[in-house]
Amino acid sequence: MTEAFYITAEELAARGYEHLPTELDSGKHMIYSSPATLDFNSPGAKGFGVKRAGLVIPGSVMLLIAPGCCGRNTALLSDLGYDERFFYLLLDDTDIVTGRYVNKIPQACEELLAELDYTPSVIMLCCTCVDALLGTDMERVCRACFDRTGVKAAPAYMYALTREKKLPPMGLIRKSIYSLLEPQKRISNECNILGFFSALEDNNEIYSLLGSAGIKKIHEIGRCKTFEEYNELSRANFSIVLNSEARAAAQDMEQRLGIPFIELTRMYRLDKIQNQYRLLGQAIGAQLDDSEYYDKTKALIEDFKQKHGSLTFAVGESLNADSFELSLALTEYGFKVAEIYGTVGERNFVFVKKLAQLSPQTRIYSNLSPTMMNYVPAPEINAAIGADACYYHRDIAGVEFNGEAQPFGYRGVQILFEQLDKVLDEKGGQRA
């Protein structure tokens, strides 16, 4: 192993998704926990992993049911103000072998309630791969906890073993978060936005566009300050899903609450954004005039190109975008993308194939491949996007682009180029 493994977009597209090289398939090699992707590999350590996501329900607390090793990074969340909302039921070797701890969970819930001077809205029961392997019926455990305490309980499956399955932990936690909603009369001019744990950036055009269509109130879990506000989500007339990991939650809400949903995708190509808004308008029976936002964003990109010239980018995966869709967008805008550090999946392979036509020599790496220990930054790259790409290219202009206020649509494109413009003004477009 003398250098980091990569494959060009052209070579990868020719092989097809069914024949990924071993280095791009994490199930076929040892996992390299790269410092570049710490928050990606360990979502409990940074960003919204299962534990932090489970606490987006206002007034909730969490009981972490795990061996001590699984709770270590939880301490890092204390810096974000969660230290009073976590409780632990630590498992020893005998617990794990026999599963005897399952019967102790209702008692643990009772004990944690005795420590509080308020009644939480829900106790999130965070379980780990131990319960995945034992096959614990967490729904039954939640019912037992409610019977004993009178406080609702919901599962938070921190099953790292299943993160590449059809319904990974981040999809399951979204389903759990909305599972407490109960049916109520729907209001025709209200809707939900599902998909993220924090709200969209305040100036996003989707708010104005939906307002022009007669929508008076838009609910987002990231904006709920009280449990009463959370409950208002079940009165929405429809939901808009902006992240496919929320699809299972939306399907559950449709079945239980009668709230239909429309699914959009976060993309960075203007024509695709425009087309999505056209389809959204058709779905809700309104004509959404997005021409102002389209023209403004297109002009911003042209001005950026005029100012900074033909840049060559490295694009990572620790960012608020799909690495391959964003790389395709940059290529279509006239920039070069030399390298991508990303996870190739069935869903985004379509972008790989299009990228192979426009930029066949783009090199694709896997952050999880042990060969990345030998990665050497390529000299032709003069701008990086993504926390991992910035780690690999510390001496050039870069933006992490992974903030909590979620970018979407035209405003998402604008934010990206505004951030790039600022950092390029500060550091220039050449290596230090």
Protein backbone atom coordinates (compact mmCIF):
# COMPACT_ATOMS: atom_id res chain seq x y z
CA MET A 1 0.00 0.00 0.00
CA THR A 2 2.00 2.98 -1.23
CA GLU A 3 -0.64 5.54 -2.13
CA ALA A 4 -4.28 6.33 -1.48
CA PHE A 5 -6.65 4.38 -3.68
CA TYR A 6 -8.77 6.27 -6.17
CA ILE A 7 -10.70 5.56 -9.31
CA THR A 8 -11.64 8.06 -11.98
CA ALA A 9 -15.25 8.91 -12.67
CA GLU A 10 -14.88 7.45 -16.16
CA GLU A 11 -13.51 4.14 -14.85
CA LEU A 12 -16.14 3.90 -12.12
CA ALA A 13 -19.02 4.61 -14.48
CA ALA A 14 -17.71 1.95 -16.87
CA ARG A 15 -17.60 -0.67 -14.09
CA GLY A 16 -21.17 0.10 -12.97
CA TYR A 17 -22.60 0.26 -9.46
CA GLU A 18 -22.78 -3.52 -9.19
CA HIS A 19 -19.00 -3.77 -9.58
CA LEU A 20 -17.63 -1.18 -7.19
CA PRO A 21 -13.95 -1.66 -6.38
CA THR A 22 -13.38 -3.18 -2.94
CA GLU A 23 -11.87 0.05 -1.65
CA LEU A 24 -15.18 1.87 -2.19
CA ASP A 25 -17.24 -0.82 -0.43
CA SER A 26 -16.90 -0.40 3.34
CA GLY A 27 -18.29 -3.87 3.93
CA LYS A 28 -15.29 -5.45 2.22
CA HIS A 29 -12.35 -3.84 3.96
CA MET A 30 -11.18 -2.56 7.33
CA ILE A 31 -12.62 0.82 8.22
CA TYR A 32 -10.20 3.70 8.50
CA SER A 33 -11.52 6.17 11.06
CA SER A 34 -9.98 9.17 9.37
CA PRO A 35 -9.53 12.33 11.45
CA ALA A 36 -10.94 14.10 8.42
CA THR A 37 -14.33 12.52 9.01
CA LEU A 38 -14.59 12.21 12.77
CA ASP A 39 -18.07 13.67 12.84
CA PHE A 40 -19.07 11.39 9.95
CA ASN A 41 -17.79 8.19 11.53
CA SER A 42 -19.00 9.09 14.98
CA PRO A 43 -22.15 11.16 14.65
CA GLY A 44 -22.54 11.24 18.40
CA ALA A 45 -19.36 13.25 18.59
CA LYS A 46 -20.41 16.14 16.40
CA GLY A 47 -23.38 17.27 14.37
CA PHE A 48 -26.72 15.47 14.64
CA GLY A 49 -26.18 11.81 15.44
CA VAL A 50 -28.89 9.56 16.88
CA LYS A 51 -28.42 10.84 20.43
CA ARG A 52 -28.65 14.54 19.70
CA ALA A 53 -31.37 14.01 17.10
CA GLY A 54 -33.50 12.13 19.62
CA LEU A 55 -33.50 15.19 21.84
CA VAL A 56 -34.93 17.61 19.27
CA ILE A 57 -38.38 16.92 20.76
CA PRO A 58 -38.88 19.81 23.19
CA GLY A 59 -38.83 18.74 26.81
CA SER A 60 -37.41 15.29 26.09
CA VAL A 61 -34.70 13.42 28.01
CA MET A 62 -32.69 10.40 26.95
CA LEU A 63 -31.75 7.18 28.71
CA LEU A 64 -28.66 5.72 27.07
CA ILE A 65 -28.70 1.94 27.52
CA ALA A 66 -25.22 0.83 26.61
CA PRO A 67 -21.79 -0.41 27.63
CA GLY A 68 -19.59 2.39 28.84
CA CYS A 69 -17.64 2.55 25.58
CA CYS A 70 -20.75 3.56 23.60
CA GLY A 71 -21.38 6.57 25.81
CA ARG A 72 -17.94 8.13 25.83
CA ASN A 73 -18.51 10.64 23.08
CA THR A 74 -21.83 11.66 24.68
CA ALA A 75 -19.82 13.86 27.03
CA LEU A 76 -18.91 16.04 24.04
CA LEU A 77 -22.57 16.97 23.68
CA SER A 78 -22.44 18.60 27.11
CA ASP A 79 -20.72 21.53 25.43
CA LEU A 80 -23.91 22.03 23.45
CA GLY A 81 -26.10 22.22 26.56
CA TYR A 82 -27.33 18.64 26.77
CA ASP A 83 -25.65 17.61 30.02
CA GLU A 84 -28.91 17.82 32.03
CA ARG A 85 -30.87 15.71 29.54
CA PHE A 86 -28.78 12.51 29.39
CA PHE A 87 -29.09 9.57 31.77
CA TYR A 88 -27.26 6.26 31.64
CA LEU A 89 -28.05 2.62 32.24
CA LEU A 90 -24.60 1.11 31.88
CA LEU A 91 -24.32 -2.55 30.92
CA ASP A 92 -21.71 -4.98 32.19
CA ASP A 93 -20.53 -8.19 30.57
CA THR A 94 -23.22 -10.32 32.23
CA ASP A 95 -25.94 -7.89 31.12
CA ILE A 96 -24.79 -8.18 27.53
CA VAL A 97 -24.55 -11.99 27.59
CA THR A 98 -27.88 -12.62 29.35
CA GLY A 99 -29.95 -9.61 28.28
CA ARG A 100 -31.16 -9.27 31.88
CA TYR A 101 -30.88 -5.47 31.72
CA VAL A 102 -33.99 -5.25 29.51
CA ASN A 103 -36.18 -5.85 32.57
CA LYS A 104 -34.37 -3.05 34.40
CA ILE A 105 -35.15 -0.35 31.87
CA PRO A 106 -38.63 0.62 33.25
CA GLN A 107 -37.10 0.91 36.73
CA ALA A 108 -34.29 3.06 35.34
CA CYS A 109 -36.90 5.36 33.79
CA GLU A 110 -38.64 5.63 37.13
CA GLU A 111 -35.36 6.50 38.85
CA LEU A 112 -34.42 9.18 36.33
CA LEU A 113 -37.84 10.81 36.74
CA ALA A 114 -37.22 10.97 40.48
CA GLU A 115 -34.10 13.01 39.76
CA LEU A 116 -36.00 15.64 37.77
CA ASP A 117 -38.06 18.52 39.12
CA TYR A 118 -40.23 18.45 36.01
CA THR A 119 -42.01 15.82 33.90
CA PRO A 120 -40.34 15.36 30.52
CA SER A 121 -42.43 15.18 27.38
CA VAL A 122 -40.88 11.83 26.46
CA ILE A 123 -38.06 9.54 27.51
CA MET A 124 -36.02 8.53 24.49
CA LEU A 125 -34.55 5.07 25.02
CA CYS A 126 -31.24 5.03 23.15
CA CYS A 127 -30.11 1.47 22.47
CA THR A 128 -27.01 0.21 20.72
CA CYS A 129 -25.73 -2.65 18.59
CA VAL A 130 -26.11 -4.85 21.67
CA ASP A 131 -29.88 -4.73 21.24
CA ALA A 132 -29.55 -5.07 17.48
CA LEU A 133 -27.74 -8.36 18.01
CA LEU A 134 -30.08 -9.53 20.79
CA GLY A 135 -33.16 -8.58 18.78
CA THR A 136 -34.68 -6.60 21.64
CA ASP A 137 -38.30 -5.58 21.04
CA MET A 138 -37.87 -1.90 21.91
CA GLU A 139 -41.47 -1.02 21.11
CA ARG A 140 -42.54 -3.45 23.84
CA VAL A 141 -39.94 -2.03 26.22
CA CYS A 142 -41.28 1.48 25.55
CA ARG A 143 -44.80 0.36 26.41
CA ALA A 144 -43.53 -1.20 29.66
CA CYS A 145 -41.81 2.07 30.56
CA PHE A 146 -45.02 4.03 29.95
CA ASP A 147 -47.05 1.58 32.02
CA ARG A 148 -44.65 2.02 34.94
CA THR A 149 -44.11 5.80 34.79
CA GLY A 150 -47.02 7.30 32.88
CA VAL A 151 -44.50 9.14 30.67
CA LYS A 152 -44.25 8.29 26.99
CA ALA A 153 -41.12 6.52 25.79
CA ALA A 154 -39.78 6.14 22.26
CA PRO A 155 -36.83 4.19 20.85
CA ALA A 156 -33.66 5.77 19.50
CA TYR A 157 -31.85 3.03 17.63
CA MET A 158 -28.11 3.75 17.61
CA TYR A 159 -27.45 0.66 15.50
CA ALA A 160 -24.17 1.38 13.76
CA LEU A 161 -24.31 -2.14 12.29
CA THR A 162 -27.29 -1.12 10.15
CA ARG A 163 -26.13 2.23 8.80
CA GLU A 164 -25.84 0.89 5.26
CA LYS A 165 -29.21 -0.87 5.36
CA LYS A 166 -32.42 0.28 3.68
CA LEU A 167 -33.56 2.01 6.87
CA PRO A 168 -30.41 3.19 8.66
CA PRO A 169 -30.29 4.63 12.19
CA MET A 170 -30.72 8.22 10.96
CA GLY A 171 -33.89 7.16 9.14
CA LEU A 172 -35.20 5.29 12.17
CA ILE A 173 -34.60 8.19 14.52
CA ARG A 174 -36.58 10.49 12.24
CA LYS A 175 -39.45 8.02 12.37
CA SER A 176 -39.26 7.87 16.18
CA ILE A 177 -39.19 11.65 16.54
CA TYR A 178 -42.52 12.07 14.76
CA SER A 179 -44.08 8.91 16.23
CA LEU A 180 -45.48 10.80 19.23
CA LEU A 181 -47.74 12.96 17.08
CA GLU A 182 -51.42 12.17 17.45
CA PRO A 183 -54.24 12.71 14.92
CA GLN A 184 -56.03 16.03 14.95
CA LYS A 185 -58.00 18.11 12.46
CA ARG A 186 -55.79 19.20 9.60
CA ILE A 187 -55.59 22.85 8.59
CA SER A 188 -55.56 23.46 4.85
CA ASN A 189 -53.04 26.33 4.79
CA GLU A 190 -50.38 24.73 6.97
CA CYS A 191 -47.59 22.34 6.00
CA ASN A 192 -44.54 20.61 7.45
CA ILE A 193 -40.97 20.61 6.24
CA LEU A 194 -39.31 17.31 7.16
CA GLY A 195 -35.80 16.07 6.68
CA PHE A 196 -33.47 18.02 8.93
CA PHE A 197 -33.11 18.32 12.69
CA SER A 198 -32.39 22.02 12.49
CA ALA A 199 -34.38 24.55 10.49
CA LEU A 200 -33.69 25.86 7.02
CA GLU A 201 -31.70 29.05 6.77
CA ASP A 202 -34.09 31.92 7.55
CA ASN A 203 -33.87 33.60 4.14
CA ASN A 204 -34.66 30.49 2.13
CA GLU A 205 -36.94 31.24 -0.81
CA ILE A 206 -39.19 28.24 -0.11
CA TYR A 207 -40.88 30.19 2.69
CA SER A 208 -41.85 33.01 0.32
CA LEU A 209 -42.85 30.64 -2.47
CA LEU A 210 -45.13 28.64 -0.18
CA GLY A 211 -46.52 31.90 1.21
CA SER A 212 -47.38 33.00 -2.33
CA ALA A 213 -49.32 29.75 -2.67
CA GLY A 214 -51.44 30.55 0.37
CA ILE A 215 -49.55 28.59 3.01
CA LYS A 216 -49.83 30.58 6.24
CA LYS A 217 -47.78 28.40 8.59
CA ILE A 218 -44.83 26.09 7.99
CA HIS A 219 -43.85 23.71 10.76
CA GLU A 220 -40.28 22.47 11.25
CA ILE A 221 -39.05 20.36 14.15
CA GLY A 222 -35.95 22.55 14.39
CA ARG A 223 -38.08 25.61 15.19
CA CYS A 224 -40.24 23.96 17.88
CA LYS A 225 -39.56 25.51 21.29
CA THR A 226 -42.32 23.73 23.22
CA PHE A 227 -44.06 20.37 23.10
CA GLU A 228 -47.26 22.19 22.17
CA GLU A 229 -45.54 23.57 19.07
CA TYR A 230 -44.29 20.07 18.30
CA ASN A 231 -47.86 18.74 18.46
CA GLU A 232 -48.93 21.29 15.84
CA LEU A 233 -47.07 19.26 13.21
CA SER A 234 -49.93 16.77 13.13
CA ARG A 235 -52.42 19.39 11.93
CA ALA A 236 -50.51 20.15 8.70
CA ASN A 237 -52.30 19.58 5.42
CA PHE A 238 -49.22 18.09 3.77
CA SER A 239 -45.50 17.57 4.36
CA ILE A 240 -42.52 18.41 2.16
CA VAL A 241 -39.66 15.94 2.59
CA LEU A 242 -36.25 17.45 1.82
CA ASN A 243 -34.09 14.49 2.85
CA SER A 244 -34.77 10.92 1.76
CA GLU A 245 -33.85 9.69 5.27
CA ALA A 246 -37.15 11.25 6.41
CA ARG A 247 -39.19 9.25 3.88
CA ALA A 248 -40.06 6.47 6.35
CA ALA A 249 -41.21 9.07 8.88
CA ALA A 250 -43.36 10.78 6.24
CA GLN A 251 -44.87 7.46 5.19
CA ASP A 252 -45.69 6.70 8.82
CA MET A 253 -47.31 10.14 9.25
CA GLU A 254 -49.33 9.58 6.10
CA GLN A 255 -50.58 6.23 7.39
CA ARG A 256 -51.27 7.26 10.99
CA LEU A 257 -52.22 10.93 10.63
CA GLY A 258 -53.48 11.12 7.06
CA ILE A 259 -50.86 13.71 6.07
CA PRO A 260 -49.66 13.16 2.48
CA PHE A 261 -46.15 14.17 1.51
CA ILE A 262 -44.16 15.48 -1.43
CA GLU A 263 -40.47 14.66 -1.72
CA LEU A 264 -37.89 17.10 -3.01
CA THR A 265 -34.10 16.71 -3.12
CA ARG A 266 -31.42 19.14 -2.05
CA MET A 267 -29.54 19.92 -5.23
CA TYR A 268 -27.14 22.61 -6.42
CA ARG A 269 -27.92 22.70 -10.15
CA LEU A 270 -30.13 25.66 -10.96
CA ASP A 271 -32.15 23.93 -13.68
CA LYS A 272 -32.95 21.05 -11.34
CA ILE A 273 -33.96 23.42 -8.55
CA GLN A 274 -36.21 25.27 -10.96
CA ASN A 275 -37.78 22.03 -12.15
CA GLN A 276 -38.43 20.88 -8.58
CA TYR A 277 -40.28 24.08 -7.74
CA ARG A 278 -42.34 23.68 -10.90
CA LEU A 279 -43.30 20.16 -9.85
CA LEU A 280 -44.00 21.30 -6.27
CA GLY A 281 -46.33 23.97 -7.62
CA GLN A 282 -48.18 21.38 -9.70
CA ALA A 283 -48.52 19.09 -6.68
CA ILE A 284 -50.08 21.75 -4.45
CA GLY A 285 -52.11 23.38 -7.21
CA ALA A 286 -50.23 26.67 -7.44
CA GLN A 287 -47.86 28.37 -9.86
CA LEU A 288 -44.67 29.17 -8.02
CA ASP A 289 -42.83 32.08 -9.64
CA ASP A 290 -39.17 31.48 -8.78
CA SER A 291 -37.71 33.56 -11.63
CA GLU A 292 -36.41 36.26 -9.29
CA TYR A 293 -34.41 33.72 -7.25
CA TYR A 294 -33.19 31.86 -10.35
CA ASP A 295 -31.93 35.05 -12.02
CA LYS A 296 -30.26 36.34 -8.87
CA THR A 297 -28.46 33.06 -8.23
CA LYS A 298 -27.35 32.70 -11.84
CA ALA A 299 -25.93 36.23 -11.80
CA LEU A 300 -24.13 35.54 -8.52
CA ILE A 301 -22.40 32.49 -10.02
CA GLU A 302 -21.37 34.45 -13.13
CA ASP A 303 -19.95 37.25 -10.98
CA PHE A 304 -18.05 34.68 -8.92
CA LYS A 305 -16.54 33.15 -12.06
CA GLN A 306 -15.54 36.55 -13.40
CA LYS A 307 -13.86 37.43 -10.12
CA HIS A 308 -12.07 34.18 -9.25
CA GLY A 309 -11.56 32.53 -12.63
CA SER A 310 -11.43 28.82 -13.35
CA LEU A 311 -10.97 27.17 -9.98
CA THR A 312 -10.19 23.51 -9.36
CA PHE A 313 -12.07 22.04 -6.41
CA ALA A 314 -11.79 19.13 -4.02
CA VAL A 315 -15.22 18.12 -2.67
CA GLY A 316 -15.74 16.08 0.50
CA GLU A 317 -18.75 14.39 2.07
CA SER A 318 -18.86 16.06 5.48
CA LEU A 319 -21.01 18.87 4.18
CA ASN A 320 -24.62 19.87 3.53
CA ALA A 321 -24.79 18.37 0.06
CA ASP A 322 -24.41 15.16 -1.88
CA SER A 323 -20.73 15.14 -2.86
CA PHE A 324 -21.38 13.90 -6.38
CA GLU A 325 -24.37 16.12 -7.16
CA LEU A 326 -22.47 19.18 -5.95
CA SER A 327 -19.42 18.17 -8.01
CA LEU A 328 -21.62 17.77 -11.06
CA ALA A 329 -23.10 21.22 -10.44
CA LEU A 330 -19.66 22.83 -10.17
CA THR A 331 -18.59 21.12 -13.36
CA GLU A 332 -21.68 22.31 -15.22
CA TYR A 333 -20.97 25.85 -13.99
CA GLY A 334 -17.57 25.68 -15.71
CA PHE A 335 -15.29 24.82 -12.79
CA LYS A 336 -13.06 21.79 -12.44
CA VAL A 337 -13.44 19.12 -9.74
CA ALA A 338 -10.21 17.19 -9.40
CA GLU A 339 -11.10 15.02 -6.42
CA ILE A 340 -14.14 13.79 -4.49
CA TYR A 341 -14.02 12.08 -1.09
CA GLY A 342 -17.39 10.39 -0.90
CA THR A 343 -19.51 7.31 -0.40
CA VAL A 344 -20.85 5.90 -3.63
CA GLY A 345 -24.38 4.57 -3.29
CA GLU A 346 -27.06 3.35 -5.65
CA ARG A 347 -28.91 6.66 -5.34
CA ASN A 348 -26.01 8.94 -6.25
CA PHE A 349 -24.41 6.69 -8.85
CA VAL A 350 -26.50 8.51 -11.46
CA PHE A 351 -24.42 11.61 -10.72
CA VAL A 352 -21.22 9.60 -11.13
CA LYS A 353 -22.31 8.58 -14.63
CA LYS A 354 -23.09 12.16 -15.63
CA LEU A 355 -19.84 13.34 -14.10
CA ALA A 356 -17.99 10.73 -16.15
CA GLN A 357 -19.23 12.44 -19.30
CA LEU A 358 -18.27 15.98 -18.27
CA SER A 359 -15.20 15.36 -16.12
CA PRO A 360 -13.96 11.81 -16.76
CA GLN A 361 -10.64 12.25 -14.95
CA THR A 362 -12.15 13.36 -11.63
CA ARG A 363 -10.60 11.13 -8.98
CA ILE A 364 -12.94 9.47 -6.47
CA TYR A 365 -11.64 8.42 -3.04
CA SER A 366 -13.27 6.74 -0.05
CA ASN A 367 -12.67 8.37 3.33
CA LEU A 368 -13.11 4.95 4.94
CA SER A 369 -10.34 3.22 2.97
CA PRO A 370 -7.21 2.54 5.05
CA THR A 371 -5.18 3.63 2.03
CA MET A 372 -6.20 7.22 2.82
CA MET A 373 -3.46 7.21 5.44
CA ASN A 374 -1.14 7.70 2.46
CA TYR A 375 -3.15 10.46 0.82
CA VAL A 376 -1.08 13.31 -0.59
CA PRO A 377 -2.86 16.55 -1.60
CA ALA A 378 -2.84 17.19 -5.33
CA PRO A 379 -1.12 20.46 -6.26
CA GLU A 380 -3.66 21.53 -8.90
CA ILE A 381 -6.47 21.92 -6.33
CA ASN A 382 -6.95 25.49 -5.16
CA ALA A 383 -10.29 25.37 -3.28
CA ALA A 384 -11.92 22.80 -0.99
CA ILE A 385 -15.54 22.23 0.05
CA GLY A 386 -16.50 20.08 3.05
CA ALA A 387 -14.96 19.59 6.49
CA ASP A 388 -13.05 16.51 5.30
CA ALA A 389 -11.77 18.21 2.13
CA CYS A 390 -10.61 21.17 4.24
CA TYR A 391 -8.75 18.73 6.50
CA TYR A 392 -6.91 17.20 3.55
CA HIS A 393 -6.16 20.64 2.04
CA ARG A 394 -5.36 22.84 4.99
CA ASP A 395 -3.18 25.29 3.09
CA ILE A 396 -5.73 26.41 0.51
CA ALA A 397 -9.02 28.29 0.60
CA GLY A 398 -11.83 26.07 1.84
CA VAL A 399 -15.31 26.12 3.33
CA GLU A 400 -16.66 23.36 5.55
CA PHE A 401 -20.24 24.14 4.51
CA ASN A 402 -21.71 21.96 7.23
CA GLY A 403 -23.42 24.51 9.47
CA GLU A 404 -26.63 23.75 11.35
CA ALA A 405 -28.86 26.24 9.50
CA GLN A 406 -29.72 24.05 6.55
CA PRO A 407 -29.16 25.31 2.98
CA PHE A 408 -31.67 24.38 0.30
CA GLY A 409 -32.66 25.48 -3.18
CA TYR A 410 -31.39 28.74 -4.70
CA ARG A 411 -30.48 30.11 -1.29
CA GLY A 412 -28.29 27.08 -0.67
CA VAL A 413 -26.34 27.80 -3.87
CA GLN A 414 -26.04 31.45 -2.92
CA ILE A 415 -24.71 30.62 0.56
CA LEU A 416 -22.08 28.28 -0.89
CA PHE A 417 -20.73 30.84 -3.36
CA GLU A 418 -20.91 33.66 -0.80
CA GLN A 419 -18.81 31.59 1.61
CA LEU A 420 -16.36 30.63 -1.13
CA ASP A 421 -16.06 34.25 -2.24
CA LYS A 422 -15.23 35.34 1.29
CA VAL A 423 -12.58 32.71 1.95
CA LEU A 424 -10.99 33.20 -1.48
CA ASP A 425 -10.76 36.92 -0.80
CA GLU A 426 -9.00 36.11 2.47
CA LYS A 427 -6.67 33.32 1.35
CA GLY A 428 -6.51 33.64 -2.42
CA GLY A 429 -6.81 30.88 -4.96
CA GLN A 430 -3.28 29.54 -4.69
CA ARG A 431 -1.61 27.15 -2.28
CA ALA A 432 0.24 28.78 0.61
